């Protein structure tokens, strides 16, 4: 259910500032977006899994906070992230 090691390293290479950058908001947002997509497909199959739904809502709010931070600090990078990750505002 979680993001595989290979997929996570691909995201770090694509969105990170350096090769080993795992803490930047861009990387965290991309990993959260992948986890949110997986959790959404899980919840479409298991409609009564309310514990996972709560986790999904937490991930969405964490991504929202990170996106708000990026929007405050670098608005152009925010718009690029929305476009690259196909997130609607």
N, C-alpha and C. Protein backbone atom coordinates (compact mmCIF):
# COMPACT_ATOMS: atom_id res chain seq x y z
N UNK A 1 0.81 -1.19 0.00
CA UNK A 1 0.00 0.00 0.00
C UNK A 1 0.86 1.26 0.00
N UNK A 2 2.08 1.15 0.47
CA UNK A 2 2.92 2.34 0.50
C UNK A 2 3.72 2.47 -0.79
N UNK A 3 4.43 3.57 -0.90
CA UNK A 3 5.23 3.84 -2.08
C UNK A 3 6.48 2.96 -2.03
N UNK A 4 6.80 2.30 -3.13
CA UNK A 4 7.97 1.42 -3.15
C UNK A 4 9.25 2.25 -3.10
N UNK A 5 10.33 1.59 -2.74
CA UNK A 5 11.61 2.26 -2.63
C UNK A 5 12.06 2.83 -3.98
N UNK A 6 11.82 2.07 -5.04
CA UNK A 6 12.22 2.53 -6.37
C UNK A 6 11.43 3.76 -6.80
N UNK A 7 10.12 3.73 -6.55
CA UNK A 7 9.26 4.86 -6.92
C UNK A 7 9.65 6.11 -6.11
N UNK A 8 9.95 5.91 -4.83
CA UNK A 8 10.33 7.03 -3.99
C UNK A 8 11.65 7.65 -4.46
N UNK A 9 12.61 6.80 -4.85
CA UNK A 9 13.87 7.34 -5.35
C UNK A 9 13.68 8.07 -6.68
N UNK A 10 12.75 7.60 -7.53
CA UNK A 10 12.43 8.32 -8.77
C UNK A 10 11.87 9.71 -8.46
N UNK A 11 10.98 9.77 -7.49
CA UNK A 11 10.39 11.06 -7.11
C UNK A 11 11.45 12.00 -6.55
N UNK A 12 12.38 11.45 -5.78
CA UNK A 12 13.45 12.27 -5.21
C UNK A 12 14.33 12.82 -6.32
N UNK A 13 14.63 11.98 -7.32
CA UNK A 13 15.44 12.45 -8.45
C UNK A 13 14.71 13.52 -9.26
N UNK A 14 13.41 13.34 -9.46
CA UNK A 14 12.64 14.28 -10.27
C UNK A 14 12.40 15.61 -9.58
N UNK A 15 12.08 15.58 -8.30
CA UNK A 15 11.65 16.80 -7.61
C UNK A 15 12.68 17.35 -6.64
N UNK A 16 13.71 16.59 -6.31
CA UNK A 16 14.68 17.04 -5.33
C UNK A 16 15.63 18.08 -5.88
N UNK A 17 16.20 18.85 -4.98
CA UNK A 17 17.17 19.86 -5.40
C UNK A 17 18.53 19.21 -5.68
N UNK A 18 18.87 18.18 -4.90
CA UNK A 18 20.07 17.39 -5.14
C UNK A 18 19.67 15.93 -5.20
N UNK A 19 20.64 15.06 -5.41
CA UNK A 19 20.34 13.63 -5.53
C UNK A 19 19.83 12.99 -4.26
N UNK A 20 20.25 13.50 -3.10
CA UNK A 20 19.85 12.89 -1.83
C UNK A 20 18.89 13.78 -1.04
N UNK A 21 18.23 14.70 -1.71
CA UNK A 21 17.32 15.64 -1.06
C UNK A 21 15.98 14.97 -0.81
N UNK A 22 15.69 14.69 0.46
CA UNK A 22 14.41 14.06 0.79
C UNK A 22 13.52 14.96 1.62
N UNK A 23 14.04 16.06 2.11
CA UNK A 23 13.28 16.89 3.02
C UNK A 23 12.67 18.12 2.42
N UNK A 24 13.00 18.45 1.19
CA UNK A 24 12.45 19.66 0.61
C UNK A 24 10.94 19.51 0.42
N UNK A 25 10.21 20.60 0.49
CA UNK A 25 8.75 20.52 0.36
C UNK A 25 8.31 19.91 -0.96
N UNK A 26 9.06 20.16 -2.02
CA UNK A 26 8.68 19.62 -3.32
C UNK A 26 8.69 18.10 -3.32
N UNK A 27 9.72 17.52 -2.71
CA UNK A 27 9.81 16.05 -2.64
C UNK A 27 8.70 15.51 -1.75
N UNK A 28 8.49 16.15 -0.60
CA UNK A 28 7.45 15.68 0.31
C UNK A 28 6.07 15.75 -0.33
N UNK A 29 5.81 16.80 -1.08
CA UNK A 29 4.52 16.94 -1.75
C UNK A 29 4.35 15.87 -2.81
N UNK A 30 5.41 15.57 -3.56
CA UNK A 30 5.30 14.55 -4.62
C UNK A 30 5.08 13.17 -4.02
N UNK A 31 5.75 12.86 -2.93
CA UNK A 31 5.55 11.55 -2.28
C UNK A 31 4.14 11.46 -1.70
N UNK A 32 3.68 12.53 -1.07
CA UNK A 32 2.32 12.54 -0.52
C UNK A 32 1.28 12.40 -1.62
N UNK A 33 1.51 13.02 -2.76
CA UNK A 33 0.57 12.92 -3.87
C UNK A 33 0.46 11.48 -4.36
N UNK A 34 1.59 10.78 -4.43
CA UNK A 34 1.58 9.38 -4.84
C UNK A 34 0.84 8.53 -3.81
N UNK A 35 1.09 8.77 -2.52
CA UNK A 35 0.41 8.01 -1.48
C UNK A 35 -1.09 8.28 -1.48
N UNK A 36 -1.47 9.54 -1.73
CA UNK A 36 -2.89 9.90 -1.77
C UNK A 36 -3.58 9.19 -2.92
N UNK A 37 -2.92 9.11 -4.07
CA UNK A 37 -3.51 8.43 -5.22
C UNK A 37 -3.72 6.94 -4.93
N UNK A 38 -2.73 6.31 -4.29
CA UNK A 38 -2.88 4.89 -3.94
C UNK A 38 -4.00 4.68 -2.92
N UNK A 39 -4.07 5.56 -1.94
CA UNK A 39 -5.09 5.42 -0.91
C UNK A 39 -6.48 5.65 -1.49
N UNK A 40 -6.59 6.53 -2.46
CA UNK A 40 -7.88 6.80 -3.09
C UNK A 40 -8.39 5.56 -3.82
N UNK A 41 -7.50 4.88 -4.55
CA UNK A 41 -7.93 3.65 -5.23
C UNK A 41 -8.30 2.57 -4.22
N UNK A 42 -7.59 2.52 -3.10
CA UNK A 42 -7.92 1.54 -2.05
C UNK A 42 -9.32 1.82 -1.49
N UNK A 43 -9.60 3.09 -1.25
CA UNK A 43 -10.89 3.42 -0.66
C UNK A 43 -12.05 3.26 -1.63
N UNK A 44 -11.78 3.29 -2.92
CA UNK A 44 -12.84 3.03 -3.88
C UNK A 44 -13.25 1.56 -3.84
N UNK A 45 -12.31 0.69 -3.51
CA UNK A 45 -12.63 -0.74 -3.37
C UNK A 45 -13.23 -1.06 -2.01
N UNK A 46 -12.70 -0.44 -0.97
CA UNK A 46 -13.11 -0.73 0.41
C UNK A 46 -13.80 0.50 0.99
N UNK A 47 -15.06 0.64 0.70
CA UNK A 47 -15.80 1.85 1.04
C UNK A 47 -15.97 2.05 2.55
N UNK A 48 -15.94 0.99 3.32
CA UNK A 48 -16.19 1.12 4.76
C UNK A 48 -14.90 1.17 5.59
N UNK A 49 -13.77 1.36 4.95
CA UNK A 49 -12.49 1.42 5.67
C UNK A 49 -12.29 2.85 6.19
N UNK A 50 -12.90 3.12 7.33
CA UNK A 50 -12.90 4.48 7.85
C UNK A 50 -11.56 4.87 8.47
N UNK A 51 -10.79 3.91 8.94
CA UNK A 51 -9.47 4.23 9.49
C UNK A 51 -8.54 4.72 8.39
N UNK A 52 -8.59 4.08 7.24
CA UNK A 52 -7.76 4.54 6.12
C UNK A 52 -8.25 5.87 5.59
N UNK A 53 -9.55 6.09 5.66
CA UNK A 53 -10.10 7.37 5.22
C UNK A 53 -9.57 8.50 6.09
N UNK A 54 -9.47 8.25 7.38
CA UNK A 54 -8.93 9.26 8.29
C UNK A 54 -7.47 9.53 7.96
N UNK A 55 -6.72 8.48 7.65
CA UNK A 55 -5.33 8.67 7.26
C UNK A 55 -5.20 9.46 5.97
N UNK A 56 -6.10 9.20 5.03
CA UNK A 56 -6.11 9.93 3.77
C UNK A 56 -6.36 11.42 4.00
N UNK A 57 -7.32 11.73 4.86
CA UNK A 57 -7.61 13.14 5.15
C UNK A 57 -6.41 13.83 5.81
N UNK A 58 -5.69 13.09 6.64
CA UNK A 58 -4.48 13.64 7.25
C UNK A 58 -3.40 13.93 6.22
N UNK A 59 -3.24 13.00 5.26
CA UNK A 59 -2.25 13.21 4.21
C UNK A 59 -2.61 14.40 3.32
N UNK A 60 -3.90 14.54 3.02
CA UNK A 60 -4.34 15.65 2.19
C UNK A 60 -4.10 16.98 2.90
N UNK A 61 -4.37 17.04 4.19
CA UNK A 61 -4.17 18.29 4.92
C UNK A 61 -2.68 18.60 5.07
N UNK A 62 -1.84 17.56 5.24
CA UNK A 62 -0.40 17.78 5.32
C UNK A 62 0.13 18.31 3.98
N UNK A 63 -0.36 17.75 2.87
CA UNK A 63 0.05 18.24 1.55
C UNK A 63 -0.42 19.67 1.34
N UNK A 64 -1.63 19.98 1.80
CA UNK A 64 -2.15 21.34 1.67
C UNK A 64 -1.28 22.33 2.42
N UNK A 65 -0.85 21.98 3.65
CA UNK A 65 0.01 22.86 4.43
C UNK A 65 1.35 23.08 3.74
N UNK A 66 1.91 22.01 3.18
CA UNK A 66 3.18 22.14 2.47
C UNK A 66 3.01 23.00 1.21
N UNK A 67 1.91 22.81 0.50
CA UNK A 67 1.66 23.62 -0.68
C UNK A 67 1.48 25.10 -0.31
N UNK A 68 0.83 25.36 0.80
CA UNK A 68 0.67 26.75 1.25
C UNK A 68 2.02 27.37 1.57
N UNK A 69 2.91 26.58 2.17
CA UNK A 69 4.26 27.07 2.48
C UNK A 69 5.02 27.40 1.20
N UNK A 70 4.96 26.52 0.21
CA UNK A 70 5.66 26.76 -1.05
C UNK A 70 5.06 27.98 -1.74
N UNK A 71 3.75 28.14 -1.66
CA UNK A 71 3.09 29.29 -2.28
C UNK A 71 3.55 30.60 -1.64
N UNK A 72 3.74 30.58 -0.31
CA UNK A 72 4.22 31.77 0.40
C UNK A 72 5.66 32.11 0.05
N UNK A 73 6.52 31.09 -0.03
CA UNK A 73 7.94 31.33 -0.21
C UNK A 73 8.33 31.50 -1.68
N UNK A 74 7.71 30.73 -2.59
CA UNK A 74 8.09 30.78 -3.99
C UNK A 74 6.85 30.50 -4.85
N UNK A 75 6.10 31.54 -5.21
CA UNK A 75 4.84 31.33 -5.95
C UNK A 75 5.03 30.64 -7.31
N UNK A 76 6.14 30.92 -7.99
CA UNK A 76 6.34 30.29 -9.29
C UNK A 76 6.57 28.79 -9.15
N UNK A 77 7.31 28.39 -8.13
CA UNK A 77 7.55 26.96 -7.89
C UNK A 77 6.24 26.26 -7.52
N UNK A 78 5.37 26.99 -6.81
CA UNK A 78 4.05 26.47 -6.46
C UNK A 78 3.24 26.14 -7.70
N UNK A 79 3.21 27.08 -8.64
CA UNK A 79 2.46 26.85 -9.87
C UNK A 79 3.07 25.71 -10.70
N UNK A 80 4.39 25.61 -10.71
CA UNK A 80 5.05 24.51 -11.42
C UNK A 80 4.70 23.17 -10.80
N UNK A 81 4.68 23.12 -9.46
CA UNK A 81 4.32 21.88 -8.77
C UNK A 81 2.90 21.46 -9.09
N UNK A 82 1.98 22.40 -9.06
CA UNK A 82 0.59 22.07 -9.37
C UNK A 82 0.46 21.50 -10.78
N UNK A 83 1.20 22.06 -11.69
CA UNK A 83 1.13 21.60 -13.08
C UNK A 83 1.80 20.24 -13.24
N UNK A 84 2.97 20.05 -12.65
CA UNK A 84 3.70 18.78 -12.81
C UNK A 84 3.00 17.62 -12.14
N UNK A 85 2.38 17.89 -10.99
CA UNK A 85 1.73 16.80 -10.25
C UNK A 85 0.25 16.67 -10.60
N UNK A 86 -0.24 17.56 -11.43
CA UNK A 86 -1.64 17.53 -11.85
C UNK A 86 -2.58 17.62 -10.65
N UNK A 87 -2.31 18.61 -9.82
CA UNK A 87 -3.15 18.88 -8.64
C UNK A 87 -3.98 20.10 -8.96
N UNK A 88 -5.26 20.04 -8.60
CA UNK A 88 -6.07 21.23 -8.79
C UNK A 88 -6.01 22.07 -7.52
N UNK A 89 -6.20 23.37 -7.68
CA UNK A 89 -6.06 24.29 -6.54
C UNK A 89 -7.09 24.03 -5.49
